[in-house]
Protein backbone atom coordinates (compact mmCIF):
# COMPACT_ATOMS: atom_id res chain seq x y z
CA UNK A 1 0.00 0.00 0.00
CA UNK A 2 1.29 3.43 -0.95
CA UNK A 3 0.08 6.44 1.05
CA UNK A 4 0.79 10.12 0.82
CA UNK A 5 -0.41 13.69 0.81
CA UNK A 6 -0.63 16.00 -2.17
CA UNK A 7 -0.37 19.74 -1.53
CA UNK A 8 -2.10 21.63 -4.32
CA UNK A 9 -1.91 25.22 -5.53
CA UNK A 10 -4.86 26.20 -7.69
CA UNK A 11 -6.20 29.24 -9.42
CA UNK A 12 -7.83 31.86 -7.21
CA UNK A 13 -11.34 30.78 -6.24
CA UNK A 14 -11.01 27.22 -7.61
CA UNK A 15 -10.69 25.46 -4.24
CA UNK A 16 -14.26 24.14 -4.12
CA UNK A 17 -14.04 22.89 -7.71
CA UNK A 18 -10.79 21.06 -6.94
CA UNK A 19 -12.27 19.46 -3.80
CA UNK A 20 -15.32 18.23 -5.73
CA UNK A 21 -13.15 16.77 -8.49
CA UNK A 22 -10.88 15.05 -5.97
CA UNK A 23 -13.91 13.42 -4.33
CA UNK A 24 -14.58 11.55 -7.60
CA UNK A 25 -11.19 9.76 -7.43
CA UNK A 26 -11.56 6.57 -5.34
CA UNK A 27 -7.94 6.64 -4.14
CA UNK A 28 -8.40 10.10 -2.61
CA UNK A 29 -9.39 9.37 0.98
CA UNK A 30 -9.81 12.98 2.08
CA UNK A 31 -9.39 16.50 0.72
CA UNK A 32 -9.42 19.81 2.57
CA UNK A 33 -9.05 23.50 1.80
CA UNK A 34 -6.06 24.97 3.64
CA UNK A 35 -4.73 28.43 4.34
CA UNK A 36 -1.11 29.23 3.74
CA UNK A 37 1.36 28.30 1.03
CA UNK A 38 -1.00 25.66 -0.47
CA UNK A 39 -4.72 25.82 -1.21
CA UNK A 40 -5.80 22.17 -0.92
CA UNK A 41 -4.39 19.04 0.70
CA UNK A 42 -5.44 15.55 -0.42
CA UNK A 43 -4.68 12.20 1.18
CA UNK A 44 -4.10 9.34 -1.29
CA UNK A 45 -3.99 5.59 -0.73
CA UNK A 46 -3.02 3.43 -3.69
CA UNK A 47 -2.27 -0.27 -4.11
CA UNK A 48 1.33 0.39 -5.18
CA UNK A 49 3.79 3.07 -6.22
CA UNK A 50 2.83 2.87 -9.90
CA UNK A 51 -0.86 3.42 -9.16
CA UNK A 52 0.02 6.29 -6.82
CA UNK A 53 2.11 7.98 -9.52
CA UNK A 54 -0.61 7.45 -12.14
CA UNK A 55 -3.30 9.00 -9.93
CA UNK A 56 -1.06 11.97 -9.25
CA UNK A 57 0.05 12.62 -12.82
CA UNK A 58 -3.04 11.65 -14.81
CA UNK A 59 -5.89 12.50 -12.44
CA UNK A 60 -4.78 15.26 -10.08
CA UNK A 61 -2.17 17.28 -11.97
CA UNK A 62 -4.31 17.20 -15.10
CA UNK A 63 -7.30 18.88 -13.40
CA UNK A 64 -8.03 22.26 -14.88
CA UNK A 65 -7.17 25.07 -12.48
CA UNK A 66 -4.39 23.09 -10.73
CA UNK A 67 -1.28 25.22 -10.97
CA UNK A 68 1.25 23.12 -9.02
CA UNK A 69 1.55 20.25 -6.56
CA UNK A 70 3.94 18.95 -3.93
CA UNK A 71 3.93 15.25 -3.03
CA UNK A 72 4.66 13.95 0.45
CA UNK A 73 4.81 10.15 0.47
CA UNK A 74 4.26 8.50 3.83
CA UNK A 75 6.27 5.53 5.02
CA UNK A 76 4.58 2.57 6.63
C-alpha cells in the first residue's frame, strides 16, 4: 500500500471545484481546503507506487485550475 499527501496550488477561487473533483477519485481518501502556502491538501492511498504515480500525474495534476503540486509520500 502506498500512502501520501498532495499539496495543491490552484487558481484563485477554484478550491471548491478542486475538492469536488478530488472526491470523484476513489484513491483520494480525504481532501481539505487549507490556508497558507498551499490551497488544498489531499490524502491518497493506492495499491502500489505505480498506481500512486498514475493518480497523481493523470488525475490530479491534469485537473483544470491546478497550478502546481507537492507530493509527500508517507512511510509505513
